[in-house]
Amino acid sequence: MALIEAKHLTKIFGANPRKALARLRAGLTKDELLAKWGDTVGLNDVSISVEKGETFVVMGLSGSGKSTLIRHLNRLIDPTDGSIVIDGVDILGLSIRELERFRRDRMAMVFQRFGLLPHRTALDNVAYGLEIRGVPPAERRRRAMEWVETVGLAGYEKHYPAELSGGMQQRVGLARALCADAEILLMDEAFSALDPLIRSQMQDLLMELQGRLHKTIVFITHDLDEALRLGDRIAILKDGVISQVGTPVDILLNPADAYVRAFVKDVNRARVLTVETVMKPPPLRLTDETLEQAVAAMQAQGAKIGYVVGDNGYRGVVTRDALDAAIASHHAPDIADIVIEAPSIDPGASLAEALPTTLSSEFPVAVVDADGELAGVLSPDRVGEVLTPPAEEPPDEAADEAKAAAE
């Protein structure tokens, strides 16, 4: 069951949002509403569902509605229409006092511009959420110090924000959000103000922490590479409307429209895609069959090679030619005697890392997991298929806009 369910959210900024909503539903466009009445459509019938423990990334250009969307989830903004249910709670029905308690106990937010209190040290900033909950001073300082150390700022706990670099300040902001032990993290362009190297380090840190903590994260970004790196799933917004929701692999390999296709066109797929996301099932698994049984299995499936597995996992490859030769020789050796110990690759490797092995192998390469089990195979043809962008369609306005923004 989803932890966050936002359904049919529409947000219109203007003098009379309800009247503008009626006009929108009657068929007027976003541009017409702005030109005739000065109403701005921030979101238009947007629905998202976020699973517990998921990193859900909302990506879009400036003005797409992504920051408007995340501010609805903690009711910094109320929608003109739609519903928001978080862990079974209709947050639009909460009173101000109930909403304050809900935010304090269930959510934390990390901002683009850090949002630190300048008159407090790093440690006191991290402890702030515990302070407003009434946690005793000694306990909150102990817990805050643990998070200061976790984000790599030990030795800087007594420094004030002005004495810290941008990357350090954002580490403080992240530690403050995590120290509050909220189940949900809302991160609005949290790393976009950082230099590229620091930004990459913060992404590494977030992924490492998420691997341990399994928080539910809604992450806003305008950067597709960041979205692909961090997201379990990604929602792409354009002009307040969702163009596509999917996994990074879905977005890259099956773009829903010209707008998304223009974004993903120049992505380095070999660096983003992993072996496990594109591998295929083995054409044939063989266990402890006799040679004759192995040949029969190959004939039944029209296979020329088989991947041999045993009690201890993957053992290697056997070819139909080798089986026929062994049977013709009348030596009838065990299938293990004619297995070729072919190379294997890790499912978590990127395609860039797996490419040399894949291209140099005589057979589709076995993908073997940490337990030694055969998870799939990867062939040069499959690599070529997924690394080749889809054929371009005739250019349209949406594609031109996305391409220009990316440049």
Protein backbone atom coordinates (compact mmCIF):
# COMPACT_ATOMS: atom_id res chain seq x y z
CA MET A 1 0.00 0.00 0.00
CA ALA A 2 1.26 3.47 -0.86
CA LEU A 3 2.35 5.71 2.00
CA ILE A 4 1.55 8.91 0.07
CA GLU A 5 -1.46 9.19 -2.25
CA ALA A 6 -2.08 12.50 -3.99
CA LYS A 7 -4.98 12.34 -6.43
CA HIS A 8 -6.13 14.79 -9.10
CA LEU A 9 -4.29 17.76 -7.60
CA THR A 10 -5.01 21.02 -9.36
CA LYS A 11 -3.60 24.31 -8.14
CA ILE A 12 -4.52 27.65 -9.68
CA PHE A 13 -3.01 30.92 -8.49
CA GLY A 14 -5.25 33.91 -9.10
CA ALA A 15 -8.02 36.15 -7.81
CA ASN A 16 -10.74 33.51 -8.16
CA PRO A 17 -9.25 30.00 -8.34
CA ARG A 18 -12.60 28.20 -8.22
CA LYS A 19 -13.92 30.11 -11.22
CA ALA A 20 -10.63 29.50 -13.03
CA LEU A 21 -10.93 25.79 -12.22
CA ALA A 22 -14.37 25.70 -13.88
CA ARG A 23 -12.91 27.38 -16.96
CA LEU A 24 -10.01 24.92 -17.04
CA ARG A 25 -12.42 21.99 -16.88
CA ALA A 26 -14.49 23.55 -19.61
CA GLY A 27 -11.52 23.24 -21.93
CA LEU A 28 -9.57 26.48 -21.67
CA THR A 29 -5.81 26.07 -21.78
CA LYS A 30 -3.23 27.20 -19.28
CA ASP A 31 -2.09 29.95 -21.66
CA GLU A 32 -5.65 31.16 -22.24
CA LEU A 33 -6.36 31.41 -18.51
CA LEU A 34 -3.18 33.43 -18.00
CA ALA A 35 -3.78 35.72 -20.98
CA LYS A 36 -7.49 36.45 -20.35
CA TRP A 37 -7.79 36.43 -16.58
CA GLY A 38 -4.26 36.43 -15.17
CA ASP A 39 -4.71 32.99 -13.58
CA THR A 40 -1.67 30.71 -13.35
CA VAL A 41 -2.14 26.95 -13.45
CA GLY A 42 0.53 25.46 -11.21
CA LEU A 43 -0.76 21.87 -11.32
CA ASN A 44 -3.40 20.33 -13.54
CA ASP A 45 -4.95 17.01 -12.45
CA VAL A 46 -1.72 15.54 -11.05
CA SER A 47 -1.79 12.18 -9.26
CA ILE A 48 1.17 10.44 -7.64
CA SER A 49 1.51 7.40 -5.42
CA VAL A 50 4.65 6.94 -3.30
CA GLU A 51 5.46 3.61 -1.68
CA LYS A 52 6.87 3.27 1.81
CA GLY A 53 10.69 3.29 1.71
CA GLU A 54 10.80 4.56 -1.88
CA THR A 55 12.86 7.42 -3.29
CA PHE A 56 10.36 9.12 -5.60
CA VAL A 57 11.86 11.84 -7.78
CA VAL A 58 9.81 14.61 -9.36
CA MET A 59 11.70 16.15 -12.27
CA GLY A 60 10.92 19.10 -14.51
CA LEU A 61 12.13 22.42 -15.81
CA SER A 62 11.55 25.73 -14.09
CA GLY A 63 7.82 26.44 -14.02
CA SER A 64 6.83 22.80 -14.47
CA GLY A 65 5.09 22.65 -11.09
CA LYS A 66 7.49 20.35 -9.25
CA SER A 67 8.08 22.62 -6.24
CA THR A 68 4.36 23.43 -6.11
CA LEU A 69 3.68 19.71 -5.92
CA ILE A 70 6.04 18.97 -3.03
CA ARG A 71 4.67 21.91 -1.04
CA HIS A 72 1.23 20.36 -1.25
CA LEU A 73 2.46 17.23 0.53
CA ASN A 74 3.06 19.10 3.78
CA ARG A 75 0.37 21.71 3.09
CA LEU A 76 2.61 24.69 2.74
CA ILE A 77 0.20 25.11 -0.19
CA ASP A 78 -3.41 23.89 -0.33
CA PRO A 79 -4.75 22.63 -3.65
CA THR A 80 -7.60 24.22 -5.54
CA ASP A 81 -8.90 20.69 -6.04
CA GLY A 82 -7.83 17.13 -5.27
CA SER A 83 -6.96 14.98 -2.27
CA ILE A 84 -3.84 14.08 -0.28
CA VAL A 85 -3.76 11.03 1.98
CA ILE A 86 -0.61 10.11 3.90
CA ASP A 87 -0.54 6.79 5.73
CA GLY A 88 -4.32 6.80 5.81
CA VAL A 89 -4.60 10.40 7.07
CA ASP A 90 -6.48 12.96 4.97
CA ILE A 91 -4.12 15.85 5.61
CA LEU A 92 -6.44 18.38 3.95
CA GLY A 93 -8.89 17.71 6.77
CA LEU A 94 -6.41 18.44 9.56
CA SER A 95 -6.75 21.53 11.72
CA ILE A 96 -3.79 23.89 11.97
CA ARG A 97 -2.77 22.37 15.31
CA GLU A 98 -3.17 18.82 14.00
CA LEU A 99 -1.18 19.73 10.88
CA GLU A 100 1.65 21.18 12.97
CA ARG A 101 1.83 17.97 14.98
CA PHE A 102 1.69 15.85 11.83
CA ARG A 103 4.54 17.78 10.22
CA ARG A 104 6.64 17.66 13.39
CA ASP A 105 6.21 13.92 13.91
CA ARG A 106 6.00 12.52 10.37
CA MET A 107 7.85 14.82 7.94
CA ALA A 108 11.10 16.69 7.51
CA MET A 109 12.13 18.98 4.69
CA VAL A 110 15.52 19.77 3.16
CA PHE A 111 15.65 23.01 1.20
CA GLN A 112 17.76 24.20 -1.71
CA ARG A 113 19.15 27.15 0.25
CA PHE A 114 19.84 25.10 3.38
CA GLY A 115 17.35 26.90 5.66
CA LEU A 116 19.73 26.90 8.63
CA LEU A 117 19.36 29.18 11.64
CA PRO A 118 22.39 31.51 11.37
CA HIS A 119 22.66 32.22 15.10
CA ARG A 120 22.90 28.51 16.01
CA THR A 121 25.89 26.22 15.69
CA ALA A 122 25.82 23.20 13.40
CA LEU A 123 25.04 20.96 16.36
CA ASP A 124 22.22 23.17 17.58
CA ASN A 125 20.77 23.36 14.09
CA VAL A 126 20.75 19.57 13.87
CA ALA A 127 19.11 19.34 17.31
CA TYR A 128 16.43 21.91 16.55
CA GLY A 129 13.69 19.45 15.61
CA LEU A 130 14.23 17.55 18.85
CA GLU A 131 14.19 20.78 20.82
CA ILE A 132 10.73 21.78 19.58
CA ARG A 133 9.53 18.29 20.48
CA GLY A 134 10.65 18.86 24.05
CA VAL A 135 13.47 16.30 24.11
CA PRO A 136 15.75 16.99 27.13
CA PRO A 137 18.94 18.93 26.29
CA ALA A 138 21.44 16.16 27.03
CA GLU A 139 19.52 13.61 24.98
CA ARG A 140 19.00 15.87 21.98
CA ARG A 141 22.65 16.91 21.93
CA ARG A 142 23.72 13.26 22.07
CA ARG A 143 21.44 12.31 19.20
CA ALA A 144 22.36 15.40 17.19
CA MET A 145 26.06 14.63 17.58
CA GLU A 146 25.51 11.13 16.24
CA TRP A 147 24.04 12.61 13.06
CA VAL A 148 26.76 15.25 12.79
CA GLU A 149 29.26 12.40 12.78
CA THR A 150 27.16 10.34 10.36
CA VAL A 151 27.18 13.09 7.73
CA GLY A 152 30.94 13.61 8.12
CA LEU A 153 31.00 16.87 10.09
CA ALA A 154 32.69 15.74 13.28
CA GLY A 155 34.91 18.61 14.41
CA TYR A 156 32.61 21.24 12.89
CA GLU A 157 29.74 20.90 15.35
CA LYS A 158 30.55 24.24 17.05
CA HIS A 159 30.83 26.18 13.80
CA TYR A 160 28.09 28.56 12.69
CA PRO A 161 26.55 28.29 9.20
CA ALA A 162 28.50 31.29 7.91
CA GLU A 163 31.71 29.45 8.78
CA LEU A 164 30.79 26.39 6.71
CA SER A 165 30.97 25.75 2.96
CA GLY A 166 27.81 25.19 0.96
CA GLY A 167 28.32 21.45 0.97
CA MET A 168 28.83 21.43 4.73
CA GLN A 169 25.72 23.52 5.26
CA GLN A 170 23.67 21.07 3.23
CA ARG A 171 25.08 18.21 5.29
CA VAL A 172 23.82 20.04 8.37
CA GLY A 173 20.41 20.40 6.74
CA LEU A 174 20.30 16.70 5.92
CA ALA A 175 21.44 15.75 9.42
CA ARG A 176 18.74 17.98 10.92
CA ALA A 177 16.06 16.27 8.83
CA LEU A 178 17.31 12.79 9.75
CA CYS A 179 17.81 13.58 13.42
CA ALA A 180 14.10 14.31 13.76
CA ASP A 181 13.55 10.65 12.78
CA ALA A 182 10.67 11.56 10.48
CA GLU A 183 9.45 8.78 8.23
CA ILE A 184 9.09 11.08 5.22
CA LEU A 185 11.78 13.36 3.78
CA LEU A 186 10.77 16.09 1.36
CA MET A 187 13.80 17.39 -0.53
CA ASP A 188 13.24 20.42 -2.77
CA GLU A 189 16.20 20.92 -5.15
CA ALA A 190 18.31 20.02 -2.12
CA PHE A 191 21.62 19.71 -4.00
CA SER A 192 21.14 22.07 -6.93
CA ALA A 193 22.96 25.00 -5.30
CA LEU A 194 26.13 22.93 -4.85
CA ASP A 195 29.18 22.64 -7.07
CA PRO A 196 29.17 19.48 -9.25
CA LEU A 197 31.73 17.57 -7.18
CA ILE A 198 30.04 18.41 -3.86
CA ARG A 199 26.68 17.61 -5.41
CA SER A 200 27.89 14.17 -6.42
CA GLN A 201 29.22 13.58 -2.92
CA MET A 202 25.88 14.54 -1.40
CA GLN A 203 24.11 12.16 -3.76
CA ASP A 204 26.49 9.40 -2.65
CA LEU A 205 25.78 10.22 0.99
CA LEU A 206 22.02 10.22 0.49
CA MET A 207 22.10 6.86 -1.31
CA GLU A 208 24.33 5.36 1.39
CA LEU A 209 22.03 6.60 4.18
CA GLN A 210 18.89 5.52 2.34
CA GLY A 211 20.36 2.04 1.95
CA ARG A 212 20.41 1.82 5.74
CA LEU A 213 17.41 3.90 6.81
CA HIS A 214 14.80 3.16 4.11
CA LYS A 215 13.05 6.49 4.52
CA THR A 216 10.27 7.54 2.17
CA ILE A 217 11.81 10.35 0.12
CA VAL A 218 10.18 12.75 -2.33
CA PHE A 219 13.06 14.45 -4.13
CA ILE A 220 12.62 17.43 -6.47
CA THR A 221 15.18 18.18 -9.19
CA HIS A 222 15.54 19.74 -12.62
CA ASP A 223 18.53 17.49 -13.41
CA LEU A 224 17.79 14.26 -15.25
CA ASP A 225 21.13 12.65 -14.37
CA GLU A 226 20.39 13.26 -10.69
CA ALA A 227 16.88 11.87 -11.09
CA LEU A 228 18.13 8.74 -12.81
CA ARG A 229 20.81 8.21 -10.18
CA LEU A 230 18.65 8.68 -7.09
CA GLY A 231 15.14 7.66 -8.04
CA ASP A 232 13.44 4.31 -7.58
CA ARG A 233 10.75 5.94 -9.72
CA ILE A 234 10.59 9.26 -11.51
CA ALA A 235 7.69 11.54 -12.39
CA ILE A 236 8.39 14.02 -15.18
CA LEU A 237 6.32 17.21 -15.08
CA LYS A 238 5.68 19.66 -17.89
CA ASP A 239 3.47 22.74 -17.51
CA GLY A 240 1.84 21.32 -14.39
CA VAL A 241 0.97 17.98 -16.03
CA ILE A 242 2.71 14.62 -15.59
CA SER A 243 4.26 13.39 -18.84
CA GLN A 244 5.45 10.05 -17.45
CA VAL A 245 5.96 8.11 -14.24
CA GLY A 246 8.31 5.14 -14.27
CA THR A 247 11.55 3.58 -13.14
CA PRO A 248 14.79 5.02 -14.53
CA VAL A 249 14.89 2.11 -16.98
CA ASP A 250 11.30 2.83 -18.09
CA ILE A 251 12.09 6.49 -18.62
CA LEU A 252 15.25 5.77 -20.61
CA LEU A 253 14.07 2.87 -22.72
CA ASN A 254 10.38 3.70 -23.13
CA PRO A 255 9.91 7.48 -23.13
CA ALA A 256 6.21 8.27 -23.18
CA ASP A 257 6.26 11.29 -25.48
CA ALA A 258 8.46 13.65 -27.46
CA TYR A 259 9.13 15.81 -24.41
CA VAL A 260 10.57 12.92 -22.40
CA ARG A 261 12.33 11.53 -25.46
CA ALA A 262 14.16 14.83 -25.95
CA PHE A 263 15.35 14.78 -22.34
CA VAL A 264 16.74 11.25 -22.42
CA LYS A 265 18.26 11.42 -25.90
CA ASP A 266 21.75 12.45 -24.79
CA VAL A 267 21.92 10.54 -21.50
CA ASN A 268 24.97 8.29 -21.18
CA ARG A 269 22.99 5.07 -20.96
CA ALA A 270 26.05 2.90 -20.43
CA ARG A 271 26.78 4.79 -17.21
CA VAL A 272 23.19 4.88 -15.94
CA LEU A 273 21.86 1.43 -16.78
CA THR A 274 22.99 -1.58 -14.78
CA VAL A 275 23.34 -5.16 -15.95
CA GLU A 276 20.39 -6.41 -13.89
CA THR A 277 18.02 -3.87 -15.45
CA VAL A 278 18.63 -5.06 -19.01
CA MET A 279 19.77 -8.71 -18.74
CA LYS A 280 17.69 -11.50 -20.22
CA PRO A 281 16.80 -14.91 -18.72
CA PRO A 282 19.27 -17.68 -19.64
CA PRO A 283 18.16 -19.43 -22.85
CA LEU A 284 18.64 -22.82 -21.18
CA ARG A 285 19.58 -23.96 -17.67
CA LEU A 286 21.13 -27.40 -17.27
CA THR A 287 21.66 -29.16 -13.95
CA ASP A 288 22.87 -32.74 -13.50
CA GLU A 289 21.33 -34.19 -16.65
CA THR A 290 23.06 -36.94 -18.54
CA LEU A 291 24.62 -35.91 -21.83
CA GLU A 292 21.65 -37.36 -23.71
CA GLN A 293 19.18 -35.47 -21.51
CA ALA A 294 21.11 -32.24 -22.05
CA VAL A 295 21.03 -32.74 -25.84
CA ALA A 296 17.30 -33.43 -25.69
CA ALA A 297 16.73 -30.23 -23.69
CA MET A 298 18.73 -28.25 -26.24
CA GLN A 299 16.79 -29.76 -29.13
CA ALA A 300 13.49 -28.97 -27.44
CA GLN A 301 14.40 -25.30 -27.06
CA GLY A 302 16.45 -24.92 -30.22
CA ALA A 303 19.44 -23.87 -28.11
CA LYS A 304 23.09 -24.21 -29.11
CA ILE A 305 24.43 -23.52 -25.62
CA GLY A 306 23.30 -24.22 -22.08
CA TYR A 307 24.23 -22.65 -18.74
CA VAL A 308 25.11 -25.28 -16.18
CA VAL A 309 24.10 -24.79 -12.54
CA GLY A 310 24.55 -27.03 -9.54
CA ASP A 311 24.17 -27.09 -5.78
CA ASN A 312 26.91 -24.49 -5.49
CA GLY A 313 25.47 -22.17 -8.12
CA TYR A 314 26.67 -21.31 -11.60
CA ARG A 315 29.32 -23.66 -13.06
CA GLY A 316 29.80 -22.57 -16.68
CA VAL A 317 28.64 -23.06 -20.28
CA VAL A 318 28.25 -26.21 -22.35
CA THR A 319 27.79 -26.22 -26.13
CA ARG A 320 25.73 -28.53 -28.28
CA ASP A 321 28.84 -29.35 -30.33
CA ALA A 322 30.73 -30.41 -27.20
CA LEU A 323 27.82 -32.60 -26.11
CA ASP A 324 27.56 -34.29 -29.51
CA ALA A 325 31.32 -34.93 -29.57
CA ALA A 326 31.28 -36.41 -26.08
CA ILE A 327 28.41 -38.74 -26.93
CA ALA A 328 30.07 -39.81 -30.21
CA SER A 329 33.31 -40.63 -28.38
CA HIS A 330 31.43 -43.13 -26.17
CA HIS A 331 33.39 -41.96 -23.14
CA ALA A 332 30.13 -40.64 -21.66
CA PRO A 333 31.81 -38.21 -19.27
CA ASP A 334 29.81 -36.26 -16.73
CA ILE A 335 28.46 -32.96 -18.01
CA ALA A 336 30.83 -31.22 -15.60
CA ASP A 337 33.77 -32.58 -17.62
CA ILE A 338 32.86 -30.59 -20.72
CA VAL A 339 31.74 -27.35 -19.06
CA ILE A 340 33.54 -24.23 -20.26
CA GLU A 341 34.36 -21.90 -17.39
CA ALA A 342 33.23 -18.76 -19.21
CA PRO A 343 33.48 -15.28 -17.63
CA SER A 344 30.61 -13.82 -15.61
CA ILE A 345 29.53 -10.32 -14.56
CA ASP A 346 27.89 -8.81 -11.50
CA PRO A 347 24.23 -7.75 -11.82
CA GLY A 348 24.98 -4.42 -10.14
CA ALA A 349 27.71 -3.44 -12.63
CA SER A 350 26.99 -0.62 -15.04
CA LEU A 351 26.85 -1.43 -18.72
CA ALA A 352 30.02 0.60 -19.16
CA GLU A 353 31.78 -1.73 -16.72
CA ALA A 354 30.30 -4.86 -18.29
CA LEU A 355 30.90 -3.89 -21.91
CA PRO A 356 34.50 -5.20 -22.31
CA THR A 357 33.59 -8.65 -20.95
CA THR A 358 30.40 -8.80 -22.98
CA LEU A 359 32.07 -7.88 -26.25
CA SER A 360 35.00 -10.27 -25.80
CA SER A 361 32.92 -13.31 -24.85
CA GLU A 362 32.07 -16.05 -27.34
CA PHE A 363 28.71 -16.54 -25.61
CA PRO A 364 26.15 -14.28 -23.91
CA VAL A 365 27.80 -13.58 -20.57
CA ALA A 366 26.37 -15.17 -17.43
CA VAL A 367 25.17 -12.70 -14.81
CA VAL A 368 25.99 -14.16 -11.41
CA ASP A 369 24.81 -12.67 -8.12
CA ALA A 370 26.65 -12.44 -4.80
CA ASP A 371 25.45 -15.92 -3.81
CA GLY A 372 26.89 -17.46 -6.98
CA GLU A 373 23.46 -18.01 -8.52
CA LEU A 374 22.79 -17.52 -12.22
CA ALA A 375 20.55 -14.44 -12.49
CA GLY A 376 20.49 -13.96 -16.26
CA VAL A 377 22.64 -13.39 -19.34
CA LEU A 378 23.82 -10.36 -21.27
CA SER A 379 24.68 -10.44 -24.96
CA PRO A 380 26.31 -7.82 -27.21
CA ASP A 381 23.06 -7.60 -29.18
CA ARG A 382 21.12 -6.73 -26.02
CA VAL A 383 23.70 -4.11 -25.03
CA GLY A 384 23.49 -2.57 -28.49
CA GLU A 385 19.71 -2.54 -28.32
CA VAL A 386 19.49 -0.65 -25.03
CA LEU A 387 22.33 1.76 -25.78
CA THR A 388 20.77 2.88 -29.06
CA PRO A 389 18.34 5.77 -28.57
CA PRO A 390 14.89 5.31 -30.13
CA ALA A 391 14.42 6.63 -33.65
CA GLU A 392 13.59 10.29 -33.68
CA GLU A 393 10.08 11.36 -34.60
CA PRO A 394 9.36 14.58 -36.48
CA PRO A 395 10.27 17.46 -34.17
CA ASP A 396 7.48 19.18 -32.30
CA GLU A 397 7.22 22.09 -29.94
CA ALA A 398 7.59 20.00 -26.79
CA ALA A 399 10.76 18.31 -28.02
CA ASP A 400 12.26 21.62 -29.12
CA GLU A 401 11.55 23.13 -25.71
CA ALA A 402 13.10 20.27 -23.76
CA LYS A 403 16.14 20.17 -26.05
CA ALA A 404 16.71 23.90 -25.73
CA ALA A 405 16.41 23.72 -21.94
CA ALA A 406 18.89 20.84 -21.76
CA GLU A 407 21.40 22.86 -23.77
